[in-house]
PDB file of N, CA and C in Angstrom:
ATOM      1  N   MET A   1      94.043 -24.441   2.353  1.00  0.00           N
ATOM      2  CA  MET A   1      93.512 -23.927   1.101  1.00  0.00           C
ATOM      3  C   MET A   1      92.075 -24.400   0.973  1.00  0.00           C
ATOM      4  N   PRO A   2      91.161 -23.525   0.673  1.00  0.00           N
ATOM      5  CA  PRO A   2      89.768 -23.917   0.514  1.00  0.00           C
ATOM      6  C   PRO A   2      89.595 -24.901  -0.635  1.00  0.00           C
ATOM      7  N   HIS A   3      88.617 -25.776  -0.491  1.00  0.00           N
ATOM      8  CA  HIS A   3      88.306 -26.741  -1.545  1.00  0.00           C
ATOM      9  C   HIS A   3      87.551 -26.052  -2.664  1.00  0.00           C
ATOM     10  N   ALA A   4      87.495 -26.711  -3.829  1.00  0.00           N
ATOM     11  CA  ALA A   4      86.828 -26.136  -5.004  1.00  0.00           C
ATOM     12  C   ALA A   4      85.372 -25.813  -4.718  1.00  0.00           C
ATOM     13  N   SER A   5      84.731 -26.569  -3.841  1.00  0.00           N
ATOM     14  CA  SER A   5      83.320 -26.340  -3.540  1.00  0.00           C
ATOM     15  C   SER A   5      83.119 -25.320  -2.418  1.00  0.00           C
ATOM     16  N   TRP A   6      84.205 -24.785  -1.876  1.00  0.00           N
ATOM     17  CA  TRP A   6      84.145 -23.826  -0.785  1.00  0.00           C
ATOM     18  C   TRP A   6      83.513 -22.533  -1.270  1.00  0.00           C
ATOM     19  N   ILE A   7      82.590 -22.004  -0.486  1.00  0.00           N
ATOM     20  CA  ILE A   7      81.928 -20.736  -0.807  1.00  0.00           C
ATOM     21  C   ILE A   7      82.341 -19.726   0.256  1.00  0.00           C
ATOM     22  N   PRO A   8      82.967 -18.604  -0.158  1.00  0.00           N
ATOM     23  CA  PRO A   8      83.423 -17.617   0.823  1.00  0.00           C
ATOM     24  C   PRO A   8      82.262 -16.998   1.597  1.00  0.00           C
ATOM     25  N   GLU A   9      82.534 -16.669   2.844  1.00  0.00           N
ATOM     26  CA  GLU A   9      81.531 -15.998   3.667  1.00  0.00           C
ATOM     27  C   GLU A   9      81.186 -14.650   3.045  1.00  0.00           C
ATOM     28  N   ALA A  10      79.909 -14.377   2.945  1.00  0.00           N
ATOM     29  CA  ALA A  10      79.432 -13.184   2.234  1.00  0.00           C
ATOM     30  C   ALA A  10      79.898 -11.872   2.859  1.00  0.00           C
ATOM     31  N   HIS A  11      80.064 -11.832   4.172  1.00  0.00           N
ATOM     32  CA  HIS A  11      80.367 -10.563   4.842  1.00  0.00           C
ATOM     33  C   HIS A  11      81.785 -10.515   5.404  1.00  0.00           C
ATOM     34  N   CYS A  12      82.660 -11.358   4.884  1.00  0.00           N
ATOM     35  CA  CYS A  12      84.048 -11.369   5.352  1.00  0.00           C
ATOM     36  C   CYS A  12      84.963 -11.032   4.179  1.00  0.00           C
ATOM     37  N   ALA A  13      85.623  -9.879   4.265  1.00  0.00           N
ATOM     38  CA  ALA A  13      86.485  -9.428   3.168  1.00  0.00           C
ATOM     39  C   ALA A  13      87.657 -10.381   2.934  1.00  0.00           C
ATOM     40  N   VAL A  14      88.187 -10.979   3.995  1.00  0.00           N
ATOM     41  CA  VAL A  14      89.292 -11.927   3.829  1.00  0.00           C
ATOM     42  C   VAL A  14      88.808 -13.147   3.053  1.00  0.00           C
ATOM     43  N   ALA A  15      87.670 -13.686   3.442  1.00  0.00           N
ATOM     44  CA  ALA A  15      87.121 -14.855   2.748  1.00  0.00           C
ATOM     45  C   ALA A  15      86.795 -14.523   1.293  1.00  0.00           C
ATOM     46  N   GLN A  16      86.215 -13.367   1.055  1.00  0.00           N
ATOM     47  CA  GLN A  16      85.901 -12.955  -0.314  1.00  0.00           C
ATOM     48  C   GLN A  16      87.178 -12.793  -1.137  1.00  0.00           C
ATOM     49  N   SER A  17      88.208 -12.215  -0.538  1.00  0.00           N
ATOM     50  CA  SER A  17      89.485 -12.039  -1.233  1.00  0.00           C
ATOM     51  C   SER A  17      90.113 -13.385  -1.574  1.00  0.00           C
ATOM     52  N   LEU A  18      90.040 -14.325  -0.640  1.00  0.00           N
ATOM     53  CA  LEU A  18      90.574 -15.657  -0.907  1.00  0.00           C
ATOM     54  C   LEU A  18      89.807 -16.358  -2.016  1.00  0.00           C
ATOM     55  N   GLY A  19      88.536 -16.026  -2.158  1.00  0.00           N
ATOM     56  CA  GLY A  19      87.761 -16.566  -3.264  1.00  0.00           C
ATOM     57  C   GLY A  19      88.287 -16.104  -4.614  1.00  0.00           C
ATOM     58  N   VAL A  20      88.967 -14.966  -4.636  1.00  0.00           N
ATOM     59  CA  VAL A  20      89.514 -14.414  -5.881  1.00  0.00           C
ATOM     60  C   VAL A  20      90.977 -14.814  -6.067  1.00  0.00           C
ATOM     61  N   VAL A  21      91.799 -14.676  -5.040  1.00  0.00           N
ATOM     62  CA  VAL A  21      93.241 -14.925  -5.172  1.00  0.00           C
ATOM     63  C   VAL A  21      93.756 -15.926  -4.141  1.00  0.00           C
ATOM     64  N   GLY A  22      92.915 -16.850  -3.728  1.00  0.00           N
ATOM     65  CA  GLY A  22      93.300 -17.808  -2.701  1.00  0.00           C
ATOM     66  C   GLY A  22      94.123 -18.978  -3.198  1.00  0.00           C
ATOM     67  N   ASP A  23      94.243 -19.126  -4.500  1.00  0.00           N
ATOM     68  CA  ASP A  23      95.061 -20.187  -5.065  1.00  0.00           C
ATOM     69  C   ASP A  23      96.485 -19.649  -5.223  1.00  0.00           C
ATOM     70  N   ALA A  24      97.472 -20.443  -4.871  1.00  0.00           N
ATOM     71  CA  ALA A  24      98.861 -19.971  -4.947  1.00  0.00           C
ATOM     72  C   ALA A  24      99.232 -19.509  -6.350  1.00  0.00           C
ATOM     73  N   TRP A  25      98.736 -20.196  -7.384  1.00  0.00           N
ATOM     74  CA  TRP A  25      99.057 -19.783  -8.754  1.00  0.00           C
ATOM     75  C   TRP A  25      98.600 -18.355  -9.022  1.00  0.00           C
ATOM     76  N   ASP A  26      97.455 -17.974  -8.480  1.00  0.00           N
ATOM     77  CA  ASP A  26      96.929 -16.625  -8.718  1.00  0.00           C
ATOM     78  C   ASP A  26      97.926 -15.563  -8.271  1.00  0.00           C
ATOM     79  N   LEU A  27      98.414 -15.694  -7.056  1.00  0.00           N
ATOM     80  CA  LEU A  27      99.351 -14.698  -6.528  1.00  0.00           C
ATOM     81  C   LEU A  27     100.700 -14.760  -7.237  1.00  0.00           C
ATOM     82  N   LEU A  28     101.133 -15.956  -7.623  1.00  0.00           N
ATOM     83  CA  LEU A  28     102.402 -16.066  -8.341  1.00  0.00           C
ATOM     84  C   LEU A  28     102.305 -15.450  -9.733  1.00  0.00           C
ATOM     85  N   ILE A  29     101.167 -15.585 -10.379  1.00  0.00           N
ATOM     86  CA  ILE A  29     100.966 -14.935 -11.681  1.00  0.00           C
ATOM     87  C   ILE A  29     101.001 -13.422 -11.516  1.00  0.00           C
ATOM     88  N   VAL A  30     100.284 -12.904 -10.522  1.00  0.00           N
ATOM     89  CA  VAL A  30     100.290 -11.456 -10.280  1.00  0.00           C
ATOM     90  C   VAL A  30     101.713 -10.991  -9.965  1.00  0.00           C
ATOM     91  N   ARG A  31     102.432 -11.754  -9.159  1.00  0.00           N
ATOM     92  CA  ARG A  31     103.831 -11.415  -8.838  1.00  0.00           C
ATOM     93  C   ARG A  31     104.665 -11.300 -10.109  1.00  0.00           C
ATOM     94  N   ASP A  32     104.554 -12.303 -10.983  1.00  0.00           N
ATOM     95  CA  ASP A  32     105.384 -12.302 -12.186  1.00  0.00           C
ATOM     96  C   ASP A  32     104.983 -11.212 -13.171  1.00  0.00           C
ATOM     97  N   VAL A  33     103.701 -10.945 -13.306  1.00  0.00           N
ATOM     98  CA  VAL A  33     103.269  -9.846 -14.180  1.00  0.00           C
ATOM     99  C   VAL A  33     103.814  -8.528 -13.633  1.00  0.00           C
ATOM    100  N   THR A  34     103.815  -8.379 -12.319  1.00  0.00           N
ATOM    101  CA  THR A  34     104.383  -7.187 -11.686  1.00  0.00           C
ATOM    102  C   THR A  34     105.866  -7.048 -12.021  1.00  0.00           C
ATOM    103  N   ARG A  35     106.561  -8.163 -12.116  1.00  0.00           N
ATOM    104  CA  ARG A  35     107.999  -8.177 -12.417  1.00  0.00           C
ATOM    105  C   ARG A  35     108.294  -8.009 -13.907  1.00  0.00           C
ATOM    106  N   GLY A  36     107.254  -7.924 -14.729  1.00  0.00           N
ATOM    107  CA  GLY A  36     107.468  -7.706 -16.156  1.00  0.00           C
ATOM    108  C   GLY A  36     107.343  -8.941 -17.024  1.00  0.00           C
ATOM    109  N   ILE A  37     107.009 -10.077 -16.430  1.00  0.00           N
ATOM    110  CA  ILE A  37     106.788 -11.299 -17.206  1.00  0.00           C
ATOM    111  C   ILE A  37     105.314 -11.299 -17.579  1.00  0.00           C
ATOM    112  N   ARG A  38     105.024 -10.968 -18.836  1.00  0.00           N
ATOM    113  CA  ARG A  38     103.634 -10.695 -19.202  1.00  0.00           C
ATOM    114  C   ARG A  38     103.066 -11.614 -20.273  1.00  0.00           C
ATOM    115  N   ARG A  39     103.898 -12.339 -20.966  1.00  0.00           N
ATOM    116  CA  ARG A  39     103.410 -13.166 -22.070  1.00  0.00           C
ATOM    117  C   ARG A  39     103.171 -14.596 -21.601  1.00  0.00           C
ATOM    118  N   PHE A  40     102.179 -15.228 -22.219  1.00  0.00           N
ATOM    119  CA  PHE A  40     101.735 -16.556 -21.809  1.00  0.00           C
ATOM    120  C   PHE A  40     102.900 -17.537 -21.699  1.00  0.00           C
ATOM    121  N   ASP A  41     103.679 -17.668 -22.776  1.00  0.00           N
ATOM    122  CA  ASP A  41     104.774 -18.642 -22.766  1.00  0.00           C
ATOM    123  C   ASP A  41     105.813 -18.320 -21.704  1.00  0.00           C
ATOM    124  N   GLN A  42     106.091 -17.045 -21.504  1.00  0.00           N
ATOM    125  CA  GLN A  42     107.039 -16.639 -20.464  1.00  0.00           C
ATOM    126  C   GLN A  42     106.520 -17.045 -19.086  1.00  0.00           C
ATOM    127  N   LEU A  43     105.237 -16.790 -18.846  1.00  0.00           N
ATOM    128  CA  LEU A  43     104.644 -17.154 -17.556  1.00  0.00           C
ATOM    129  C   LEU A  43     104.688 -18.661 -17.345  1.00  0.00           C
ATOM    130  N   ALA A  44     104.337 -19.428 -18.373  1.00  0.00           N
ATOM    131  CA  ALA A  44     104.326 -20.888 -18.257  1.00  0.00           C
ATOM    132  C   ALA A  44     105.713 -21.415 -17.899  1.00  0.00           C
ATOM    133  N   ILE A  45     106.738 -20.881 -18.558  1.00  0.00           N
ATOM    134  CA  ILE A  45     108.107 -21.335 -18.300  1.00  0.00           C
ATOM    135  C   ILE A  45     108.571 -20.899 -16.919  1.00  0.00           C
ATOM    136  N   GLU A  46     108.375 -19.630 -16.604  1.00  0.00           N
ATOM    137  CA  GLU A  46     108.849 -19.087 -15.324  1.00  0.00           C
ATOM    138  C   GLU A  46     108.210 -19.799 -14.133  1.00  0.00           C
ATOM    139  N   LEU A  47     106.918 -20.070 -14.235  1.00  0.00           N
ATOM    140  CA  LEU A  47     106.190 -20.676 -13.123  1.00  0.00           C
ATOM    141  C   LEU A  47     106.254 -22.197 -13.122  1.00  0.00           C
ATOM    142  N   GLY A  48     106.550 -22.799 -14.270  1.00  0.00           N
ATOM    143  CA  GLY A  48     106.511 -24.257 -14.352  1.00  0.00           C
ATOM    144  C   GLY A  48     105.091 -24.784 -14.227  1.00  0.00           C
ATOM    145  N   ILE A  49     104.146 -24.053 -14.772  1.00  0.00           N
ATOM    146  CA  ILE A  49     102.723 -24.360 -14.671  1.00  0.00           C
ATOM    147  C   ILE A  49     102.246 -24.923 -16.011  1.00  0.00           C
ATOM    148  N   SER A  50     101.290 -25.833 -15.971  1.00  0.00           N
ATOM    149  CA  SER A  50     100.767 -26.373 -17.224  1.00  0.00           C
ATOM    150  C   SER A  50     100.002 -25.291 -17.978  1.00  0.00           C
ATOM    151  N   ARG A  51      99.955 -25.425 -19.280  1.00  0.00           N
ATOM    152  CA  ARG A  51      99.252 -24.452 -20.118  1.00  0.00           C
ATOM    153  C   ARG A  51      97.767 -24.410 -19.761  1.00  0.00           C
ATOM    154  N   LYS A  52      97.194 -25.559 -19.452  1.00  0.00           N
ATOM    155  CA  LYS A  52      95.771 -25.629 -19.102  1.00  0.00           C
ATOM    156  C   LYS A  52      95.488 -24.843 -17.823  1.00  0.00           C
ATOM    157  N   VAL A  53      96.287 -25.091 -16.795  1.00  0.00           N
ATOM    158  CA  VAL A  53      96.085 -24.400 -15.519  1.00  0.00           C
ATOM    159  C   VAL A  53      96.348 -22.908 -15.684  1.00  0.00           C
ATOM    160  N   LEU A  54      97.391 -22.550 -16.419  1.00  0.00           N
ATOM    161  CA  LEU A  54      97.691 -21.134 -16.634  1.00  0.00           C
ATOM    162  C   LEU A  54      96.544 -20.444 -17.360  1.00  0.00           C
ATOM    163  N   THR A  55      96.005 -21.084 -18.374  1.00  0.00           N
ATOM    164  CA  THR A  55      94.866 -20.518 -19.102  1.00  0.00           C
ATOM    165  C   THR A  55      93.695 -20.276 -18.164  1.00  0.00           C
ATOM    166  N   GLU A  56      93.395 -21.253 -17.314  1.00  0.00           N
ATOM    167  CA  GLU A  56      92.282 -21.119 -16.362  1.00  0.00           C
ATOM    168  C   GLU A  56      92.521 -19.974 -15.390  1.00  0.00           C
ATOM    169  N   ARG A  57      93.728 -19.886 -14.850  1.00  0.00           N
ATOM    170  CA  ARG A  57      94.027 -18.850 -13.855  1.00  0.00           C
ATOM    171  C   ARG A  57      94.034 -17.458 -14.487  1.00  0.00           C
ATOM    172  N   LEU A  58      94.603 -17.332 -15.680  1.00  0.00           N
ATOM    173  CA  LEU A  58      94.597 -16.031 -16.353  1.00  0.00           C
ATOM    174  C   LEU A  58      93.173 -15.583 -16.637  1.00  0.00           C
ATOM    175  N   ARG A  59      92.342 -16.499 -17.086  1.00  0.00           N
ATOM    176  CA  ARG A  59      90.943 -16.170 -17.365  1.00  0.00           C
ATOM    177  C   ARG A  59      90.239 -15.704 -16.084  1.00  0.00           C
ATOM    178  N   LYS A  60      90.489 -16.415 -14.986  1.00  0.00           N
ATOM    179  CA  LYS A  60      89.880 -16.046 -13.703  1.00  0.00           C
ATOM    180  C   LYS A  60      90.337 -14.653 -13.262  1.00  0.00           C
ATOM    181  N   LEU A  61      91.631 -14.378 -13.376  1.00  0.00           N
ATOM    182  CA  LEU A  61      92.149 -13.076 -12.966  1.00  0.00           C
ATOM    183  C   LEU A  61      91.614 -11.955 -13.855  1.00  0.00           C
ATOM    184  N   GLU A  62      91.399 -12.250 -15.120  1.00  0.00           N
ATOM    185  CA  GLU A  62      90.764 -11.277 -16.022  1.00  0.00           C
ATOM    186  C   GLU A  62      89.316 -11.034 -15.617  1.00  0.00           C
ATOM    187  N   GLU A  63      88.588 -12.116 -15.363  1.00  0.00           N
ATOM    188  CA  GLU A  63      87.171 -11.999 -14.998  1.00  0.00           C
ATOM    189  C   GLU A  63      86.979 -11.184 -13.726  1.00  0.00           C
ATOM    190  N   HIS A  64      87.936 -11.289 -12.811  1.00  0.00           N
ATOM    191  CA  HIS A  64      87.846 -10.538 -11.555  1.00  0.00           C
ATOM    192  C   HIS A  64      88.470  -9.149 -11.665  1.00  0.00           C
ATOM    193  N   GLY A  65      88.935  -8.791 -12.851  1.00  0.00           N
ATOM    194  CA  GLY A  65      89.424  -7.435 -13.085  1.00  0.00           C
ATOM    195  C   GLY A  65      90.815  -7.140 -12.580  1.00  0.00           C
ATOM    196  N   LEU A  66      91.625  -8.173 -12.316  1.00  0.00           N
ATOM    197  CA  LEU A  66      92.993  -7.938 -11.858  1.00  0.00           C
ATOM    198  C   LEU A  66      93.978  -7.821 -13.009  1.00  0.00           C
ATOM    199  N   LEU A  67      93.698  -8.511 -14.105  1.00  0.00           N
ATOM    200  CA  LEU A  67      94.548  -8.473 -15.288  1.00  0.00           C
ATOM    201  C   LEU A  67      93.733  -8.044 -16.491  1.00  0.00           C
ATOM    202  N   ALA A  68      94.403  -7.408 -17.435  1.00  0.00           N
ATOM    203  CA  ALA A  68      93.802  -7.071 -18.730  1.00  0.00           C
ATOM    204  C   ALA A  68      94.703  -7.657 -19.810  1.00  0.00           C
ATOM    205  N   ARG A  69      94.082  -8.159 -20.849  1.00  0.00           N
ATOM    206  CA  ARG A  69      94.809  -8.781 -21.954  1.00  0.00           C
ATOM    207  C   ARG A  69      94.970  -7.761 -23.078  1.00  0.00           C
ATOM    208  N   HIS A  70      96.192  -7.661 -23.613  1.00  0.00           N
ATOM    209  CA  HIS A  70      96.496  -6.720 -24.694  1.00  0.00           C
ATOM    210  C   HIS A  70      97.205  -7.473 -25.814  1.00  0.00           C
ATOM    211  N   ALA A  71      96.731  -7.290 -27.046  1.00  0.00           N
ATOM    212  CA  ALA A  71      97.377  -7.932 -28.193  1.00  0.00           C
ATOM    213  C   ALA A  71      98.712  -7.258 -28.472  1.00  0.00           C
ATOM    214  N   TYR A  72      99.753  -8.055 -28.639  1.00  0.00           N
ATOM    215  CA  TYR A  72     101.049  -7.497 -29.023  1.00  0.00           C
ATOM    216  C   TYR A  72     101.457  -7.966 -30.416  1.00  0.00           C
ATOM    217  N   ARG A  73     100.703  -8.910 -30.981  1.00  0.00           N
ATOM    218  CA  ARG A  73     100.939  -9.364 -32.347  1.00  0.00           C
ATOM    219  C   ARG A  73      99.600  -9.734 -32.966  1.00  0.00           C
ATOM    220  N   GLN A  74      99.432  -9.442 -34.245  1.00  0.00           N
ATOM    221  CA  GLN A  74      98.134  -9.643 -34.896  1.00  0.00           C
ATOM    222  C   GLN A  74      98.005 -10.962 -35.650  1.00  0.00           C
ATOM    223  N   ALA A  75      99.066 -11.468 -36.253  1.00  0.00           N
ATOM    224  CA  ALA A  75      98.926 -12.682 -37.058  1.00  0.00           C
ATOM    225  C   ALA A  75     100.046 -13.661 -36.733  1.00  0.00           C
ATOM    226  N   PRO A  76      99.766 -14.710 -36.010  1.00  0.00           N
ATOM    227  CA  PRO A  76      98.529 -14.953 -35.266  1.00  0.00           C
ATOM    228  C   PRO A  76      98.457 -14.039 -34.047  1.00  0.00           C
ATOM    229  N   VAL A  77      97.267 -13.831 -33.574  1.00  0.00           N
ATOM    230  CA  VAL A  77      97.074 -12.934 -32.434  1.00  0.00           C
ATOM    231  C   VAL A  77      97.745 -13.527 -31.198  1.00  0.00           C
ATOM    232  N   ARG A  78      98.539 -12.708 -30.545  1.00  0.00           N
ATOM    233  CA  ARG A  78      99.208 -13.077 -29.295  1.00  0.00           C
ATOM    234  C   ARG A  78      98.951 -11.962 -28.290  1.00  0.00           C
ATOM    235  N   TYR A  79      98.814 -12.364 -27.042  1.00  0.00           N
ATOM    236  CA  TYR A  79      98.465 -11.404 -25.996  1.00  0.00           C
ATOM    237  C   TYR A  79      99.525 -11.367 -24.909  1.00  0.00           C
ATOM    238  N   GLU A  80      99.576 -10.234 -24.242  1.00  0.00           N
ATOM    239  CA  GLU A  80     100.315 -10.118 -22.997  1.00  0.00           C
ATOM    240  C   GLU A  80      99.336  -9.623 -21.947  1.00  0.00           C
ATOM    241  N   TYR A  81      99.690  -9.821 -20.705  1.00  0.00           N
ATOM    242  CA  TYR A  81      98.804  -9.488 -19.596  1.00  0.00           C
ATOM    243  C   TYR A  81      99.418  -8.367 -18.779  1.00  0.00           C
ATOM    244  N   ARG A  82      98.568  -7.441 -18.392  1.00  0.00           N
ATOM    245  CA  ARG A  82      99.002  -6.300 -17.581  1.00  0.00           C
ATOM    246  C   ARG A  82      98.070  -6.156 -16.389  1.00  0.00           C
ATOM    247  N   LEU A  83      98.637  -5.649 -15.305  1.00  0.00           N
ATOM    248  CA  LEU A  83      97.811  -5.393 -14.125  1.00  0.00           C
ATOM    249  C   LEU A  83      96.880  -4.222 -14.390  1.00  0.00           C
ATOM    250  N   THR A  84      95.659  -4.363 -13.957  1.00  0.00           N
ATOM    251  CA  THR A  84      94.698  -3.265 -13.960  1.00  0.00           C
ATOM    252  C   THR A  84      94.905  -2.480 -12.663  1.00  0.00           C
ATOM    253  N   PRO A  85      94.230  -1.358 -12.485  1.00  0.00           N
ATOM    254  CA  PRO A  85      94.316  -0.664 -11.193  1.00  0.00           C
ATOM    255  C   PRO A  85      93.926  -1.583 -10.022  1.00  0.00           C
ATOM    256  N   ARG A  86      92.946  -2.434 -10.235  1.00  0.00           N
ATOM    257  CA  ARG A  86      92.550  -3.385  -9.178  1.00  0.00           C
ATOM    258  C   ARG A  86      93.693  -4.358  -8.887  1.00  0.00           C
ATOM    259  N   GLY A  87      94.364  -4.820  -9.922  1.00  0.00           N
ATOM    260  CA  GLY A  87      95.505  -5.711  -9.740  1.00  0.00           C
ATOM    261  C   GLY A  87      96.677  -5.000  -9.084  1.00  0.00           C
ATOM    262  N   GLN A  88      96.913  -3.746  -9.467  1.00  0.00           N
ATOM    263  CA  GLN A  88      97.995  -2.964  -8.866  1.00  0.00           C
ATOM    264  C   GLN A  88      97.750  -2.747  -7.379  1.00  0.00           C
ATOM    265  N   ALA A  89      96.498  -2.667  -6.991  1.00  0.00           N
ATOM    266  CA  ALA A  89      96.167  -2.488  -5.575  1.00  0.00           C
ATOM    267  C   ALA A  89      96.528  -3.720  -4.751  1.00  0.00           C
ATOM    268  N   LEU A  90      96.743  -4.851  -5.412  1.00  0.00           N
ATOM    269  CA  LEU A  90      97.127  -6.082  -4.726  1.00  0.00           C
ATOM    270  C   LEU A  90      98.634  -6.140  -4.457  1.00  0.00           C
ATOM    271  N   VAL A  91      99.418  -5.323  -5.136  1.00  0.00           N
ATOM    272  CA  VAL A  91     100.876  -5.362  -5.002  1.00  0.00           C
ATOM    273  C   VAL A  91     101.335  -5.145  -3.555  1.00  0.00           C
ATOM    274  N   PRO A  92     100.802  -4.176  -2.802  1.00  0.00           N
ATOM    275  CA  PRO A  92     101.242  -4.041  -1.408  1.00  0.00           C
ATOM    276  C   PRO A  92     100.961  -5.291  -0.565  1.00  0.00           C
ATOM    277  N   VAL A  93      99.924  -6.019  -0.905  1.00  0.00           N
ATOM    278  CA  VAL A  93      99.629  -7.277  -0.204  1.00  0.00           C
ATOM    279  C   VAL A  93     100.734  -8.292  -0.499  1.00  0.00           C
ATOM    280  N   LEU A  94     101.169  -8.358  -1.756  1.00  0.00           N
ATOM    281  CA  LEU A  94     102.265  -9.260  -2.120  1.00  0.00           C
ATOM    282  C   LEU A  94     103.556  -8.872  -1.412  1.00  0.00           C
ATOM    283  N   VAL A  95     103.819  -7.567  -1.324  1.00  0.00           N
ATOM    284  CA  VAL A  95     105.022  -7.093  -0.630  1.00  0.00           C
ATOM    285  C   VAL A  95     104.961  -7.494   0.840  1.00  0.00           C
ATOM    286  N   ALA A  96     103.806  -7.328   1.469  1.00  0.00           N
ATOM    287  CA  ALA A  96     103.649  -7.722   2.872  1.00  0.00           C
ATOM    288  C   ALA A  96     103.835  -9.227   3.035  1.00  0.00           C
ATOM    289  N   LEU A  97     103.304 -10.006   2.110  1.00  0.00           N
ATOM    290  CA  LEU A  97     103.454 -11.459   2.157  1.00  0.00           C
ATOM    291  C   LEU A  97     104.924 -11.846   1.981  1.00  0.00           C
ATOM    292  N   GLN A  98     105.616 -11.157   1.086  1.00  0.00           N
ATOM    293  CA  GLN A  98     107.044 -11.420   0.897  1.00  0.00           C
ATOM    294  C   GLN A  98     107.827 -11.072   2.158  1.00  0.00           C
ATOM    295  N   ASP A  99     107.528  -9.929   2.767  1.00  0.00           N
ATOM    296  CA  ASP A  99     108.211  -9.532   4.000  1.00  0.00           C
ATOM    297  C   ASP A  99     107.981 -10.564   5.098  1.00  0.00           C
ATOM    298  N   TRP A 100     106.750 -11.040   5.209  1.00  0.00           N
ATOM    299  CA  TRP A 100     106.421 -12.056   6.211  1.00  0.00           C
ATOM    300  C   TRP A 100     107.218 -13.328   5.939  1.00  0.00           C
ATOM    301  N   GLY A 101     107.237 -13.775   4.683  1.00  0.00           N
ATOM    302  CA  GLY A 101     107.982 -14.979   4.324  1.00  0.00           C
ATOM    303  C   GLY A 101     109.475 -14.825   4.541  1.00  0.00           C
ATOM    304  N   ASP A 102     110.007 -13.645   4.201  1.00  0.00           N
ATOM    305  CA  ASP A 102     111.432 -13.389   4.423  1.00  0.00           C
ATOM    306  C   ASP A 102     111.780 -13.514   5.899  1.00  0.00           C
ATOM    307  N   ARG A 103     110.906 -13.007   6.744  1.00  0.00           N
ATOM    308  CA  ARG A 103     111.185 -13.029   8.186  1.00  0.00           C
ATOM    309  C   ARG A 103     110.931 -14.395   8.801  1.00  0.00           C
ATOM    310  N   TRP A 104     109.753 -14.953   8.575  1.00  0.00           N
ATOM    311  CA  TRP A 104     109.328 -16.131   9.314  1.00  0.00           C
ATOM    312  C   TRP A 104     109.626 -17.465   8.632  1.00  0.00           C
ATOM    313  N   LEU A 105     109.816 -17.467   7.333  1.00  0.00           N
ATOM    314  CA  LEU A 105     110.069 -18.727   6.637  1.00  0.00           C
ATOM    315  C   LEU A 105     111.507 -18.841   6.137  1.00  0.00           C
ATOM    316  N   LEU A 106     112.068 -17.745   5.667  1.00  0.00           N
ATOM    317  CA  LEU A 106     113.432 -17.772   5.146  1.00  0.00           C
ATOM    318  C   LEU A 106     114.447 -17.217   6.137  1.00  0.00           C
ATOM    319  N   GLY A 107     113.987 -16.377   7.057  1.00  0.00           N
ATOM    320  CA  GLY A 107     114.876 -15.766   8.042  1.00  0.00           C
ATOM    321  C   GLY A 107     114.796 -16.492   9.370  1.00  0.00           C
ATOM    322  N   ASP A 108     115.332 -15.849  10.397  1.00  0.00           N
ATOM    323  CA  ASP A 108     115.347 -16.470  11.722  1.00  0.00           C
ATOM    324  C   ASP A 108     114.191 -16.013  12.604  1.00  0.00           C
ATOM    325  N   GLY A 109     113.316 -15.165  12.080  1.00  0.00           N
ATOM    326  CA  GLY A 109     112.159 -14.718  12.854  1.00  0.00           C
ATOM    327  C   GLY A 109     112.436 -13.541  13.752  1.00  0.00           C
ATOM    328  N   SER A 110     113.670 -13.036  13.741  1.00  0.00           N
ATOM    329  CA  SER A 110     113.972 -11.895  14.601  1.00  0.00           C
ATOM    330  C   SER A 110     113.439 -10.620  13.974  1.00  0.00           C
ATOM    331  N   ALA A 111     113.221  -9.638  14.818  1.00  0.00           N
ATOM    332  CA  ALA A 111     112.719  -8.350  14.340  1.00  0.00           C
ATOM    333  C   ALA A 111     113.768  -7.696  13.457  1.00  0.00           C
ATOM    334  N   THR A 112     113.297  -7.081  12.376  1.00  0.00           N
ATOM    335  CA  THR A 112     114.215  -6.359  11.498  1.00  0.00           C
ATOM    336  C   THR A 112     113.801  -4.906  11.441  1.00  0.00           C
ATOM    337  N   GLY A 113     114.769  -4.040  11.114  1.00  0.00           N
ATOM    338  CA  GLY A 113     114.485  -2.610  10.935  1.00  0.00           C
ATOM    339  C   GLY A 113     114.130  -2.003  12.180  1.00  0.00           C
TER     340      GLY A 113
END
């Protein structure tokens, strides 16, 4: 995992992508939002993540255009998070990562299908 001071290579799409979603929490948040877990408290409980870290990661994912915040209650204001088209484009990457993990980390590594 790159260090906080790590700067992605300017002309490498993999390095640039890791600069956006290279933290495990980032991908787990996107995974859970994809599964329908969209509210802050739900995400915190499901992931077992501190509120501070979750706030930071949600803000980062919003800034990079992967998530959009929508108010679902006005008083007090409460938000839920939804994938943007940019975030939805990341879903096939998560599916590929899950398939890889199923085969090589949870399975026996044999060819399937």
